[in-house]
PDB file of N, CA and C in Angstrom:
ATOM      1  N   UNK A   1      -4.861   4.222  26.617  1.00  0.00           N
ATOM      2  CA  UNK A   1      -5.318   3.677  25.697  1.00  0.00           C
ATOM      3  C   UNK A   1      -5.310   4.852  24.884  1.00  0.00           C
ATOM      4  N   UNK A   2      -6.341   4.529  23.759  1.00  0.00           N
ATOM      5  CA  UNK A   2      -6.695   5.338  22.545  1.00  0.00           C
ATOM      6  C   UNK A   2      -7.688   4.752  22.359  1.00  0.00           C
ATOM      7  N   UNK A   3      -8.792   5.641  21.998  1.00  0.00           N
ATOM      8  CA  UNK A   3     -10.482   5.545  21.121  1.00  0.00           C
ATOM      9  C   UNK A   3     -10.693   5.666  19.812  1.00  0.00           C
ATOM     10  N   UNK A   4     -10.799   4.842  19.490  1.00  0.00           N
ATOM     11  CA  UNK A   4     -10.747   5.166  17.534  1.00  0.00           C
ATOM     12  C   UNK A   4     -12.261   5.477  17.494  1.00  0.00           C
ATOM     13  N   UNK A   5     -13.185   5.857  17.079  1.00  0.00           N
ATOM     14  CA  UNK A   5     -14.764   6.600  16.939  1.00  0.00           C
ATOM     15  C   UNK A   5     -14.657   6.624  14.977  1.00  0.00           C
ATOM     16  N   UNK A   6     -15.662   5.255  15.047  1.00  0.00           N
ATOM     17  CA  UNK A   6     -15.785   4.930  13.947  1.00  0.00           C
ATOM     18  C   UNK A   6     -14.933   4.336  13.180  1.00  0.00           C
ATOM     19  N   UNK A   7     -14.122   4.160  12.490  1.00  0.00           N
ATOM     20  CA  UNK A   7     -13.662   3.267  11.203  1.00  0.00           C
ATOM     21  C   UNK A   7     -12.404   4.256  10.800  1.00  0.00           C
ATOM     22  N   UNK A   8     -12.008   5.215  11.544  1.00  0.00           N
ATOM     23  CA  UNK A   8     -10.721   6.463  11.086  1.00  0.00           C
ATOM     24  C   UNK A   8     -10.645   6.688  12.027  1.00  0.00           C
ATOM     25  N   UNK A   9      -8.724   6.781  11.898  1.00  0.00           N
ATOM     26  CA  UNK A   9      -8.049   7.385  12.781  1.00  0.00           C
ATOM     27  C   UNK A   9      -8.620   9.302  12.983  1.00  0.00           C
ATOM     28  N   UNK A  10      -8.749   9.737  14.475  1.00  0.00           N
ATOM     29  CA  UNK A  10      -8.534  10.503  14.212  1.00  0.00           C
ATOM     30  C   UNK A  10      -6.535  11.937  13.835  1.00  0.00           C
ATOM     31  N   UNK A  11      -5.822  11.055  14.807  1.00  0.00           N
ATOM     32  CA  UNK A  11      -4.334  10.938  14.466  1.00  0.00           C
ATOM     33  C   UNK A  11      -3.851  11.112  13.459  1.00  0.00           C
ATOM     34  N   UNK A  12      -4.290   9.719  12.545  1.00  0.00           N
ATOM     35  CA  UNK A  12      -2.471   9.919  11.532  1.00  0.00           C
ATOM     36  C   UNK A  12      -4.239   9.695  10.004  1.00  0.00           C
ATOM     37  N   UNK A  13      -4.762  10.405   9.955  1.00  0.00           N
ATOM     38  CA  UNK A  13      -5.696  11.112   8.600  1.00  0.00           C
ATOM     39  C   UNK A  13      -5.461  10.875   7.325  1.00  0.00           C
ATOM     40  N   UNK A  14      -6.102  11.507   6.424  1.00  0.00           N
ATOM     41  CA  UNK A  14      -6.153  11.580   5.223  1.00  0.00           C
ATOM     42  C   UNK A  14      -4.417  13.565   5.134  1.00  0.00           C
ATOM     43  N   UNK A  15      -4.025  13.085   4.532  1.00  0.00           N
ATOM     44  CA  UNK A  15      -3.105  14.290   4.372  1.00  0.00           C
ATOM     45  C   UNK A  15      -2.022  14.312   5.702  1.00  0.00           C
ATOM     46  N   UNK A  16      -1.492  13.083   6.085  1.00  0.00           N
ATOM     47  CA  UNK A  16      -0.262  12.895   6.830  1.00  0.00           C
ATOM     48  C   UNK A  16       0.252  12.237   6.422  1.00  0.00           C
ATOM     49  N   UNK A  17       1.588  12.724   7.510  1.00  0.00           N
ATOM     50  CA  UNK A  17       2.918  11.218   6.260  1.00  0.00           C
ATOM     51  C   UNK A  17       3.164  10.339   7.068  1.00  0.00           C
ATOM     52  N   UNK A  18       3.507   9.356   6.056  1.00  0.00           N
ATOM     53  CA  UNK A  18       3.654   7.968   5.504  1.00  0.00           C
ATOM     54  C   UNK A  18       5.681   7.653   5.755  1.00  0.00           C
ATOM     55  N   UNK A  19       5.200   7.498   7.241  1.00  0.00           N
ATOM     56  CA  UNK A  19       6.513   6.896   7.314  1.00  0.00           C
ATOM     57  C   UNK A  19       7.646   6.151   6.486  1.00  0.00           C
ATOM     58  N   UNK A  20       8.793   6.032   5.488  1.00  0.00           N
ATOM     59  CA  UNK A  20       8.892   4.465   5.239  1.00  0.00           C
ATOM     60  C   UNK A  20       9.931   4.552   5.151  1.00  0.00           C
ATOM     61  N   UNK A  21      10.657   3.424   5.828  1.00  0.00           N
ATOM     62  CA  UNK A  21      11.899   3.134   7.273  1.00  0.00           C
ATOM     63  C   UNK A  21      11.940   1.638   6.062  1.00  0.00           C
ATOM     64  N   UNK A  22      13.364   1.478   6.933  1.00  0.00           N
ATOM     65  CA  UNK A  22      14.273   0.536   6.648  1.00  0.00           C
ATOM     66  C   UNK A  22      13.177  -0.358   5.490  1.00  0.00           C
ATOM     67  N   UNK A  23      12.578  -1.039   7.659  1.00  0.00           N
ATOM     68  CA  UNK A  23      12.118  -2.274   7.253  1.00  0.00           C
ATOM     69  C   UNK A  23      10.800  -2.287   6.266  1.00  0.00           C
ATOM     70  N   UNK A  24      10.157  -1.443   5.991  1.00  0.00           N
ATOM     71  CA  UNK A  24       9.114  -1.735   5.831  1.00  0.00           C
ATOM     72  C   UNK A  24       9.193  -1.909   4.200  1.00  0.00           C
ATOM     73  N   UNK A  25      10.721  -0.717   4.232  1.00  0.00           N
ATOM     74  CA  UNK A  25      10.847  -0.605   2.302  1.00  0.00           C
ATOM     75  C   UNK A  25      11.673  -1.615   1.564  1.00  0.00           C
ATOM     76  N   UNK A  26      12.412  -2.823   3.052  1.00  0.00           N
ATOM     77  CA  UNK A  26      12.560  -3.619   2.022  1.00  0.00           C
ATOM     78  C   UNK A  26      11.496  -4.842   2.094  1.00  0.00           C
ATOM     79  N   UNK A  27      10.558  -5.021   2.613  1.00  0.00           N
ATOM     80  CA  UNK A  27      10.042  -5.771   3.109  1.00  0.00           C
ATOM     81  C   UNK A  27       8.695  -5.379   1.599  1.00  0.00           C
ATOM     82  N   UNK A  28       8.617  -4.281   1.174  1.00  0.00           N
ATOM     83  CA  UNK A  28       8.045  -3.982  -0.689  1.00  0.00           C
ATOM     84  C   UNK A  28       9.089  -4.508  -1.316  1.00  0.00           C
ATOM     85  N   UNK A  29       9.894  -4.034  -1.498  1.00  0.00           N
ATOM     86  CA  UNK A  29      11.217  -4.799  -2.553  1.00  0.00           C
ATOM     87  C   UNK A  29      11.196  -5.977  -3.227  1.00  0.00           C
ATOM     88  N   UNK A  30      11.292  -6.537  -1.210  1.00  0.00           N
ATOM     89  CA  UNK A  30      11.914  -7.931  -2.076  1.00  0.00           C
ATOM     90  C   UNK A  30      10.510  -8.303  -1.946  1.00  0.00           C
ATOM     91  N   UNK A  31       9.525  -8.014  -2.087  1.00  0.00           N
ATOM     92  CA  UNK A  31       8.002  -8.897  -2.092  1.00  0.00           C
ATOM     93  C   UNK A  31       7.152  -8.282  -3.309  1.00  0.00           C
ATOM     94  N   UNK A  32       7.220  -7.337  -3.693  1.00  0.00           N
ATOM     95  CA  UNK A  32       6.608  -6.668  -4.672  1.00  0.00           C
ATOM     96  C   UNK A  32       6.658  -6.075  -5.779  1.00  0.00           C
ATOM     97  N   UNK A  33       7.812  -6.418  -5.757  1.00  0.00           N
ATOM     98  CA  UNK A  33       9.051  -5.794  -7.131  1.00  0.00           C
ATOM     99  C   UNK A  33       9.337  -5.653  -8.168  1.00  0.00           C
ATOM    100  N   UNK A  34       9.640  -6.018  -9.317  1.00  0.00           N
ATOM    101  CA  UNK A  34      10.221  -6.976 -10.033  1.00  0.00           C
ATOM    102  C   UNK A  34      11.945  -7.512  -9.248  1.00  0.00           C
ATOM    103  N   UNK A  35      12.613  -8.305  -8.738  1.00  0.00           N
ATOM    104  CA  UNK A  35      13.786  -8.638  -8.975  1.00  0.00           C
ATOM    105  C   UNK A  35      13.962  -8.248  -7.691  1.00  0.00           C
ATOM    106  N   UNK A  36      13.030  -8.491  -6.897  1.00  0.00           N
ATOM    107  CA  UNK A  36      12.990  -9.198  -5.070  1.00  0.00           C
ATOM    108  C   UNK A  36      12.622 -10.326  -5.363  1.00  0.00           C
ATOM    109  N   UNK A  37      13.227 -11.574  -3.730  1.00  0.00           N
ATOM    110  CA  UNK A  37      14.218 -12.666  -3.130  1.00  0.00           C
ATOM    111  C   UNK A  37      12.620 -13.599  -3.213  1.00  0.00           C
ATOM    112  N   UNK A  38      11.590 -12.329  -3.125  1.00  0.00           N
ATOM    113  CA  UNK A  38      10.816 -13.154  -2.880  1.00  0.00           C
ATOM    114  C   UNK A  38       8.991 -12.789  -3.004  1.00  0.00           C
ATOM    115  N   UNK A  39       9.379 -12.582  -4.786  1.00  0.00           N
ATOM    116  CA  UNK A  39       8.285 -12.429  -5.743  1.00  0.00           C
ATOM    117  C   UNK A  39       7.190 -13.724  -6.063  1.00  0.00           C
ATOM    118  N   UNK A  40       7.353 -14.737  -5.740  1.00  0.00           N
ATOM    119  CA  UNK A  40       7.372 -15.871  -6.766  1.00  0.00           C
ATOM    120  C   UNK A  40       5.351 -15.549  -5.815  1.00  0.00           C
ATOM    121  N   UNK A  41       4.963 -15.811  -7.091  1.00  0.00           N
ATOM    122  CA  UNK A  41       3.048 -16.397  -7.061  1.00  0.00           C
ATOM    123  C   UNK A  41       2.549 -14.970  -6.014  1.00  0.00           C
ATOM    124  N   UNK A  42       3.769 -13.253  -6.366  1.00  0.00           N
ATOM    125  CA  UNK A  42       2.956 -11.888  -6.676  1.00  0.00           C
ATOM    126  C   UNK A  42       2.252 -11.417  -6.824  1.00  0.00           C
ATOM    127  N   UNK A  43       2.030 -10.410  -7.225  1.00  0.00           N
ATOM    128  CA  UNK A  43       1.052  -9.147  -7.919  1.00  0.00           C
ATOM    129  C   UNK A  43       2.640  -8.428  -7.998  1.00  0.00           C
ATOM    130  N   UNK A  44       3.279  -7.666  -9.305  1.00  0.00           N
ATOM    131  CA  UNK A  44       4.287  -7.255  -8.128  1.00  0.00           C
ATOM    132  C   UNK A  44       3.631  -5.313  -9.218  1.00  0.00           C
ATOM    133  N   UNK A  45       5.015  -4.703  -9.058  1.00  0.00           N
ATOM    134  CA  UNK A  45       4.352  -3.745  -9.024  1.00  0.00           C
ATOM    135  C   UNK A  45       5.575  -3.185 -10.642  1.00  0.00           C
ATOM    136  N   UNK A  46       5.244  -2.155 -11.006  1.00  0.00           N
ATOM    137  CA  UNK A  46       5.331  -1.781 -12.290  1.00  0.00           C
ATOM    138  C   UNK A  46       7.134  -0.984 -12.591  1.00  0.00           C
ATOM    139  N   UNK A  47       8.147  -1.923 -13.489  1.00  0.00           N
ATOM    140  CA  UNK A  47       9.652  -1.537 -13.356  1.00  0.00           C
ATOM    141  C   UNK A  47       9.759   0.503 -12.656  1.00  0.00           C
ATOM    142  N   UNK A  48       8.871   1.144 -13.339  1.00  0.00           N
ATOM    143  CA  UNK A  48       9.065   2.144 -12.957  1.00  0.00           C
ATOM    144  C   UNK A  48       8.496   3.163 -11.935  1.00  0.00           C
ATOM    145  N   UNK A  49       7.396   2.388 -11.150  1.00  0.00           N
ATOM    146  CA  UNK A  49       7.684   3.004 -10.317  1.00  0.00           C
ATOM    147  C   UNK A  49       8.162   2.733  -8.423  1.00  0.00           C
ATOM    148  N   UNK A  50       8.158   3.567  -7.718  1.00  0.00           N
ATOM    149  CA  UNK A  50       8.610   3.768  -6.556  1.00  0.00           C
ATOM    150  C   UNK A  50       7.989   3.408  -5.502  1.00  0.00           C
ATOM    151  N   UNK A  51       8.464   3.525  -4.349  1.00  0.00           N
ATOM    152  CA  UNK A  51       7.579   2.814  -3.222  1.00  0.00           C
ATOM    153  C   UNK A  51       6.763   4.008  -2.533  1.00  0.00           C
ATOM    154  N   UNK A  52       8.979   5.134  -2.683  1.00  0.00           N
ATOM    155  CA  UNK A  52       8.247   6.578  -1.941  1.00  0.00           C
ATOM    156  C   UNK A  52       7.204   7.243  -2.714  1.00  0.00           C
ATOM    157  N   UNK A  53       6.660   6.834  -3.853  1.00  0.00           N
ATOM    158  CA  UNK A  53       5.501   7.607  -4.539  1.00  0.00           C
ATOM    159  C   UNK A  53       4.584   7.453  -4.601  1.00  0.00           C
ATOM    160  N   UNK A  54       4.757   5.571  -4.898  1.00  0.00           N
ATOM    161  CA  UNK A  54       3.410   5.517  -4.507  1.00  0.00           C
ATOM    162  C   UNK A  54       2.605   5.231  -2.224  1.00  0.00           C
ATOM    163  N   UNK A  55       3.335   5.764  -1.186  1.00  0.00           N
ATOM    164  CA  UNK A  55       3.539   6.057  -0.621  1.00  0.00           C
ATOM    165  C   UNK A  55       3.210   7.390  -0.400  1.00  0.00           C
ATOM    166  N   UNK A  56       3.190   8.446  -1.476  1.00  0.00           N
ATOM    167  CA  UNK A  56       3.003   9.864  -1.516  1.00  0.00           C
ATOM    168  C   UNK A  56       1.452  10.042  -1.785  1.00  0.00           C
ATOM    169  N   UNK A  57       0.843   9.282  -3.104  1.00  0.00           N
ATOM    170  CA  UNK A  57      -0.234   8.998  -3.313  1.00  0.00           C
ATOM    171  C   UNK A  57      -1.302   7.861  -2.743  1.00  0.00           C
ATOM    172  N   UNK A  58      -0.341   7.850  -1.841  1.00  0.00           N
ATOM    173  CA  UNK A  58      -1.393   6.817  -0.192  1.00  0.00           C
ATOM    174  C   UNK A  58      -2.107   8.365   0.309  1.00  0.00           C
ATOM    175  N   UNK A  59      -0.897   9.500   0.682  1.00  0.00           N
ATOM    176  CA  UNK A  59      -0.997  10.272   2.065  1.00  0.00           C
ATOM    177  C   UNK A  59      -2.579  11.093   2.232  1.00  0.00           C
ATOM    178  N   UNK A  60      -2.779  11.101   0.650  1.00  0.00           N
ATOM    179  CA  UNK A  60      -3.989  11.810   0.302  1.00  0.00           C
ATOM    180  C   UNK A  60      -5.595  11.432   0.638  1.00  0.00           C
ATOM    181  N   UNK A  61      -5.785   9.616   1.145  1.00  0.00           N
ATOM    182  CA  UNK A  61      -6.447   8.729   1.311  1.00  0.00           C
ATOM    183  C   UNK A  61      -6.071   8.896   3.173  1.00  0.00           C
ATOM    184  N   UNK A  62      -7.987   8.984   2.874  1.00  0.00           N
ATOM    185  CA  UNK A  62      -8.317   8.404   4.518  1.00  0.00           C
ATOM    186  C   UNK A  62      -7.782   7.040   5.539  1.00  0.00           C
ATOM    187  N   UNK A  63      -7.200   6.679   5.822  1.00  0.00           N
ATOM    188  CA  UNK A  63      -6.787   5.054   6.462  1.00  0.00           C
ATOM    189  C   UNK A  63      -8.085   4.419   6.750  1.00  0.00           C
ATOM    190  N   UNK A  64      -8.358   3.732   7.432  1.00  0.00           N
ATOM    191  CA  UNK A  64      -9.204   2.998   7.520  1.00  0.00           C
ATOM    192  C   UNK A  64      -8.858   1.807   8.127  1.00  0.00           C
ATOM    193  N   UNK A  65      -9.459   1.473   9.903  1.00  0.00           N
ATOM    194  CA  UNK A  65      -8.857   1.028  10.710  1.00  0.00           C
ATOM    195  C   UNK A  65      -9.060  -0.458  10.273  1.00  0.00           C
ATOM    196  N   UNK A  66      -8.079  -1.873  10.475  1.00  0.00           N
ATOM    197  CA  UNK A  66      -8.171  -2.580  10.596  1.00  0.00           C
ATOM    198  C   UNK A  66      -7.792  -3.520  12.352  1.00  0.00           C
ATOM    199  N   UNK A  67      -8.873  -5.265  12.004  1.00  0.00           N
ATOM    200  CA  UNK A  67      -8.508  -5.487  13.091  1.00  0.00           C
ATOM    201  C   UNK A  67      -6.651  -5.272  12.979  1.00  0.00           C
ATOM    202  N   UNK A  68      -6.910  -5.304  14.214  1.00  0.00           N
ATOM    203  CA  UNK A  68      -5.100  -5.605  14.599  1.00  0.00           C
ATOM    204  C   UNK A  68      -4.322  -4.282  14.821  1.00  0.00           C
ATOM    205  N   UNK A  69      -4.847  -3.583  14.374  1.00  0.00           N
ATOM    206  CA  UNK A  69      -4.606  -1.528  15.213  1.00  0.00           C
ATOM    207  C   UNK A  69      -3.828  -1.726  13.802  1.00  0.00           C
ATOM    208  N   UNK A  70      -3.254  -1.827  12.438  1.00  0.00           N
ATOM    209  CA  UNK A  70      -2.596  -1.566  11.238  1.00  0.00           C
ATOM    210  C   UNK A  70      -4.208  -0.727  10.890  1.00  0.00           C
ATOM    211  N   UNK A  71      -3.311   0.267   9.478  1.00  0.00           N
ATOM    212  CA  UNK A  71      -4.275   0.874   9.269  1.00  0.00           C
ATOM    213  C   UNK A  71      -4.387   0.937   7.946  1.00  0.00           C
ATOM    214  N   UNK A  72      -5.145   0.978   7.007  1.00  0.00           N
ATOM    215  CA  UNK A  72      -5.487   0.357   5.021  1.00  0.00           C
ATOM    216  C   UNK A  72      -5.789   1.105   4.559  1.00  0.00           C
ATOM    217  N   UNK A  73      -4.961   1.884   3.279  1.00  0.00           N
ATOM    218  CA  UNK A  73      -5.238   2.588   2.392  1.00  0.00           C
ATOM    219  C   UNK A  73      -5.456   1.914   1.044  1.00  0.00           C
ATOM    220  N   UNK A  74      -6.966   1.719   0.437  1.00  0.00           N
ATOM    221  CA  UNK A  74      -6.489   1.579  -0.564  1.00  0.00           C
ATOM    222  C   UNK A  74      -6.729   3.001  -1.593  1.00  0.00           C
ATOM    223  N   UNK A  75      -5.556   2.956  -2.701  1.00  0.00           N
ATOM    224  CA  UNK A  75      -5.561   3.554  -4.179  1.00  0.00           C
ATOM    225  C   UNK A  75      -5.566   3.769  -5.782  1.00  0.00           C
ATOM    226  N   UNK A  76      -6.655   4.416  -5.715  1.00  0.00           N
ATOM    227  CA  UNK A  76      -6.113   4.649  -7.228  1.00  0.00           C
ATOM    228  C   UNK A  76      -6.195   5.346  -8.498  1.00  0.00           C
ATOM    229  N   UNK A  77      -4.788   5.176  -8.691  1.00  0.00           N
ATOM    230  CA  UNK A  77      -3.584   5.424  -8.809  1.00  0.00           C
ATOM    231  C   UNK A  77      -3.713   6.684 -10.618  1.00  0.00           C
ATOM    232  N   UNK A  78      -4.749   6.208 -11.005  1.00  0.00           N
ATOM    233  CA  UNK A  78      -5.554   7.114 -12.701  1.00  0.00           C
ATOM    234  C   UNK A  78      -4.493   5.611 -13.172  1.00  0.00           C
ATOM    235  N   UNK A  79      -3.578   5.528 -13.431  1.00  0.00           N
ATOM    236  CA  UNK A  79      -2.742   4.868 -14.434  1.00  0.00           C
ATOM    237  C   UNK A  79      -2.593   3.513 -13.653  1.00  0.00           C
ATOM    238  N   UNK A  80      -1.855   2.736 -14.865  1.00  0.00           N
ATOM    239  CA  UNK A  80      -1.147   1.346 -14.708  1.00  0.00           C
ATOM    240  C   UNK A  80      -0.433   1.088 -14.245  1.00  0.00           C
ATOM    241  N   UNK A  81      -0.383   0.486 -12.421  1.00  0.00           N
ATOM    242  CA  UNK A  81       0.517   0.616 -11.878  1.00  0.00           C
ATOM    243  C   UNK A  81       1.711  -0.814 -11.798  1.00  0.00           C
ATOM    244  N   UNK A  82       0.839  -1.476 -12.319  1.00  0.00           N
ATOM    245  CA  UNK A  82       1.299  -2.849 -12.236  1.00  0.00           C
ATOM    246  C   UNK A  82       0.603  -4.049 -12.610  1.00  0.00           C
ATOM    247  N   UNK A  83       0.654  -5.227 -12.657  1.00  0.00           N
ATOM    248  CA  UNK A  83       0.321  -7.119 -13.105  1.00  0.00           C
ATOM    249  C   UNK A  83      -0.120  -7.449 -12.075  1.00  0.00           C
ATOM    250  N   UNK A  84      -1.631  -7.727 -11.616  1.00  0.00           N
ATOM    251  CA  UNK A  84      -2.761  -8.368 -11.178  1.00  0.00           C
ATOM    252  C   UNK A  84      -2.046 -10.008 -10.922  1.00  0.00           C
ATOM    253  N   UNK A  85      -1.928 -10.117 -10.142  1.00  0.00           N
ATOM    254  CA  UNK A  85      -1.814 -12.263 -10.016  1.00  0.00           C
ATOM    255  C   UNK A  85      -2.537 -12.834 -10.828  1.00  0.00           C
ATOM    256  N   UNK A  86      -4.035 -13.148  -9.929  1.00  0.00           N
ATOM    257  CA  UNK A  86      -4.690 -13.238 -10.396  1.00  0.00           C
ATOM    258  C   UNK A  86      -5.592 -13.440 -12.113  1.00  0.00           C
ATOM    259  N   UNK A  87      -5.153 -12.199 -12.196  1.00  0.00           N
ATOM    260  CA  UNK A  87      -5.769 -12.026 -14.018  1.00  0.00           C
ATOM    261  C   UNK A  87      -4.730 -11.358 -14.649  1.00  0.00           C
ATOM    262  N   UNK A  88      -3.345 -11.469 -14.180  1.00  0.00           N
ATOM    263  CA  UNK A  88      -2.278 -11.368 -15.231  1.00  0.00           C
ATOM    264  C   UNK A  88      -2.374  -9.332 -16.214  1.00  0.00           C
ATOM    265  N   UNK A  89      -4.056  -9.140 -15.882  1.00  0.00           N
ATOM    266  CA  UNK A  89      -4.001  -7.644 -16.078  1.00  0.00           C
ATOM    267  C   UNK A  89      -3.404  -6.910 -15.742  1.00  0.00           C
ATOM    268  N   UNK A  90      -2.936  -5.267 -15.605  1.00  0.00           N
ATOM    269  CA  UNK A  90      -2.472  -4.218 -15.687  1.00  0.00           C
ATOM    270  C   UNK A  90      -3.949  -3.698 -14.523  1.00  0.00           C
ATOM    271  N   UNK A  91      -3.557  -3.326 -13.155  1.00  0.00           N
ATOM    272  CA  UNK A  91      -4.056  -2.571 -12.507  1.00  0.00           C
ATOM    273  C   UNK A  91      -4.290  -1.247 -12.330  1.00  0.00           C
ATOM    274  N   UNK A  92      -4.663  -0.784 -11.718  1.00  0.00           N
ATOM    275  CA  UNK A  92      -4.478   0.940 -11.264  1.00  0.00           C
ATOM    276  C   UNK A  92      -4.460   1.189  -9.750  1.00  0.00           C
ATOM    277  N   UNK A  93      -5.309   0.192  -9.053  1.00  0.00           N
ATOM    278  CA  UNK A  93      -5.236   0.453  -7.357  1.00  0.00           C
ATOM    279  C   UNK A  93      -4.431  -0.411  -6.711  1.00  0.00           C
ATOM    280  N   UNK A  94      -3.555   0.343  -5.720  1.00  0.00           N
ATOM    281  CA  UNK A  94      -3.118  -0.376  -4.242  1.00  0.00           C
ATOM    282  C   UNK A  94      -2.310  -0.360  -3.297  1.00  0.00           C
ATOM    283  N   UNK A  95      -2.502  -0.850  -2.355  1.00  0.00           N
ATOM    284  CA  UNK A  95      -3.331  -0.461  -0.811  1.00  0.00           C
ATOM    285  C   UNK A  95      -1.411  -0.519  -0.253  1.00  0.00           C
ATOM    286  N   UNK A  96      -1.545   0.635   0.400  1.00  0.00           N
ATOM    287  CA  UNK A  96      -0.689   0.621   1.160  1.00  0.00           C
ATOM    288  C   UNK A  96      -1.989   0.725   3.398  1.00  0.00           C
ATOM    289  N   UNK A  97      -0.661  -0.113   3.769  1.00  0.00           N
ATOM    290  CA  UNK A  97      -0.741  -1.190   5.205  1.00  0.00           C
ATOM    291  C   UNK A  97       0.120   0.492   6.316  1.00  0.00           C
ATOM    292  N   UNK A  98      -0.856   0.937   7.437  1.00  0.00           N
ATOM    293  CA  UNK A  98       0.904   1.575   8.243  1.00  0.00           C
ATOM    294  C   UNK A  98      -0.041   0.883   9.370  1.00  0.00           C
ATOM    295  N   UNK A  99       1.326   1.477  10.962  1.00  0.00           N
ATOM    296  CA  UNK A  99       0.692   0.854  11.476  1.00  0.00           C
ATOM    297  C   UNK A  99      -0.259   2.584  12.640  1.00  0.00           C
ATOM    298  N   UNK A 100      -0.298   2.377  13.718  1.00  0.00           N
ATOM    299  CA  UNK A 100      -0.970   3.268  14.017  1.00  0.00           C
ATOM    300  C   UNK A 100      -0.413   4.566  14.600  1.00  0.00           C
ATOM    301  N   UNK A 101       0.981   4.471  14.581  1.00  0.00           N
ATOM    302  CA  UNK A 101       1.900   5.743  14.176  1.00  0.00           C
ATOM    303  C   UNK A 101       2.238   5.810  12.844  1.00  0.00           C
ATOM    304  N   UNK A 102       1.795   5.339  12.222  1.00  0.00           N
ATOM    305  CA  UNK A 102       2.393   5.733  10.389  1.00  0.00           C
ATOM    306  C   UNK A 102       2.743   5.422  10.213  1.00  0.00           C
ATOM    307  N   UNK A 103       4.016   4.810  10.794  1.00  0.00           N
ATOM    308  CA  UNK A 103       5.003   3.986  10.349  1.00  0.00           C
ATOM    309  C   UNK A 103       4.635   2.500   9.196  1.00  0.00           C
ATOM    310  N   UNK A 104       5.213   2.770   7.972  1.00  0.00           N
ATOM    311  CA  UNK A 104       4.806   1.680   6.598  1.00  0.00           C
ATOM    312  C   UNK A 104       5.286   0.310   7.245  1.00  0.00           C
ATOM    313  N   UNK A 105       3.918  -0.718   6.239  1.00  0.00           N
ATOM    314  CA  UNK A 105       4.188  -2.041   6.583  1.00  0.00           C
ATOM    315  C   UNK A 105       3.638  -2.451   4.835  1.00  0.00           C
ATOM    316  N   UNK A 106       3.365  -2.432   4.568  1.00  0.00           N
ATOM    317  CA  UNK A 106       3.528  -3.361   3.336  1.00  0.00           C
ATOM    318  C   UNK A 106       2.817  -2.331   1.961  1.00  0.00           C
ATOM    319  N   UNK A 107       3.574  -2.065   0.757  1.00  0.00           N
ATOM    320  CA  UNK A 107       2.737  -2.091   0.278  1.00  0.00           C
ATOM    321  C   UNK A 107       2.158  -2.217  -1.116  1.00  0.00           C
ATOM    322  N   UNK A 108       1.592  -3.501  -2.148  1.00  0.00           N
ATOM    323  CA  UNK A 108       0.806  -3.901  -2.716  1.00  0.00           C
ATOM    324  C   UNK A 108       0.090  -4.086  -3.872  1.00  0.00           C
ATOM    325  N   UNK A 109       0.423  -4.261  -4.477  1.00  0.00           N
ATOM    326  CA  UNK A 109      -1.149  -4.429  -6.100  1.00  0.00           C
ATOM    327  C   UNK A 109      -2.202  -4.971  -5.461  1.00  0.00           C
ATOM    328  N   UNK A 110      -2.987  -4.291  -6.144  1.00  0.00           N
ATOM    329  CA  UNK A 110      -4.582  -4.871  -4.986  1.00  0.00           C
ATOM    330  C   UNK A 110      -4.478  -6.316  -6.045  1.00  0.00           C
ATOM    331  N   UNK A 111      -5.281  -6.601  -5.422  1.00  0.00           N
ATOM    332  CA  UNK A 111      -5.745  -8.686  -5.806  1.00  0.00           C
ATOM    333  C   UNK A 111      -7.318  -8.470  -6.799  1.00  0.00           C
ATOM    334  N   UNK A 112      -7.825  -7.784  -6.660  1.00  0.00           N
ATOM    335  CA  UNK A 112      -9.216  -7.727  -6.756  1.00  0.00           C
ATOM    336  C   UNK A 112      -9.788  -6.821  -7.675  1.00  0.00           C
ATOM    337  N   UNK A 113     -10.052  -6.795  -8.538  1.00  0.00           N
ATOM    338  CA  UNK A 113     -10.854  -4.951  -9.461  1.00  0.00           C
ATOM    339  C   UNK A 113      -9.883  -3.965  -9.960  1.00  0.00           C
ATOM    340  N   UNK A 114     -10.483  -2.698 -10.219  1.00  0.00           N
ATOM    341  CA  UNK A 114      -9.680  -2.033 -10.999  1.00  0.00           C
ATOM    342  C   UNK A 114      -8.860  -2.397 -11.912  1.00  0.00           C
ATOM    343  N   UNK A 115      -9.616  -3.250 -12.747  1.00  0.00           N
ATOM    344  CA  UNK A 115      -8.286  -3.596 -14.364  1.00  0.00           C
ATOM    345  C   UNK A 115      -8.485  -3.081 -15.334  1.00  0.00           C
ATOM    346  N   UNK A 116      -7.475  -2.422 -16.221  1.00  0.00           N
ATOM    347  CA  UNK A 116      -7.672  -2.210 -17.196  1.00  0.00           C
ATOM    348  C   UNK A 116      -8.770  -2.687 -17.915  1.00  0.00           C
TER     349      UNK A 116
END
């Protein structure tokens, strides 16, 4: 059994690589990028963004343990990266979810806050 002290993982901290596999990549492209098959009602990344680029930007952010054992990184990109579904406005913030081994589960536009 692995124990975590606080809410940050000592094994998969900031600066650790995130593994972008086919499953995580397919999930993100289908739901959060223009032209995806399941984008209805979702916030979308801008056409010029890429999953590998967004993931690399998240690798320097400390992961926070979530209920269920996954880790979340909230990233402030410093530029417009997509459109917030709730407001219709550009946003500069996104979220990356990984499992305990550092495998990508999800990348999505942050729903609230950080709008330009």
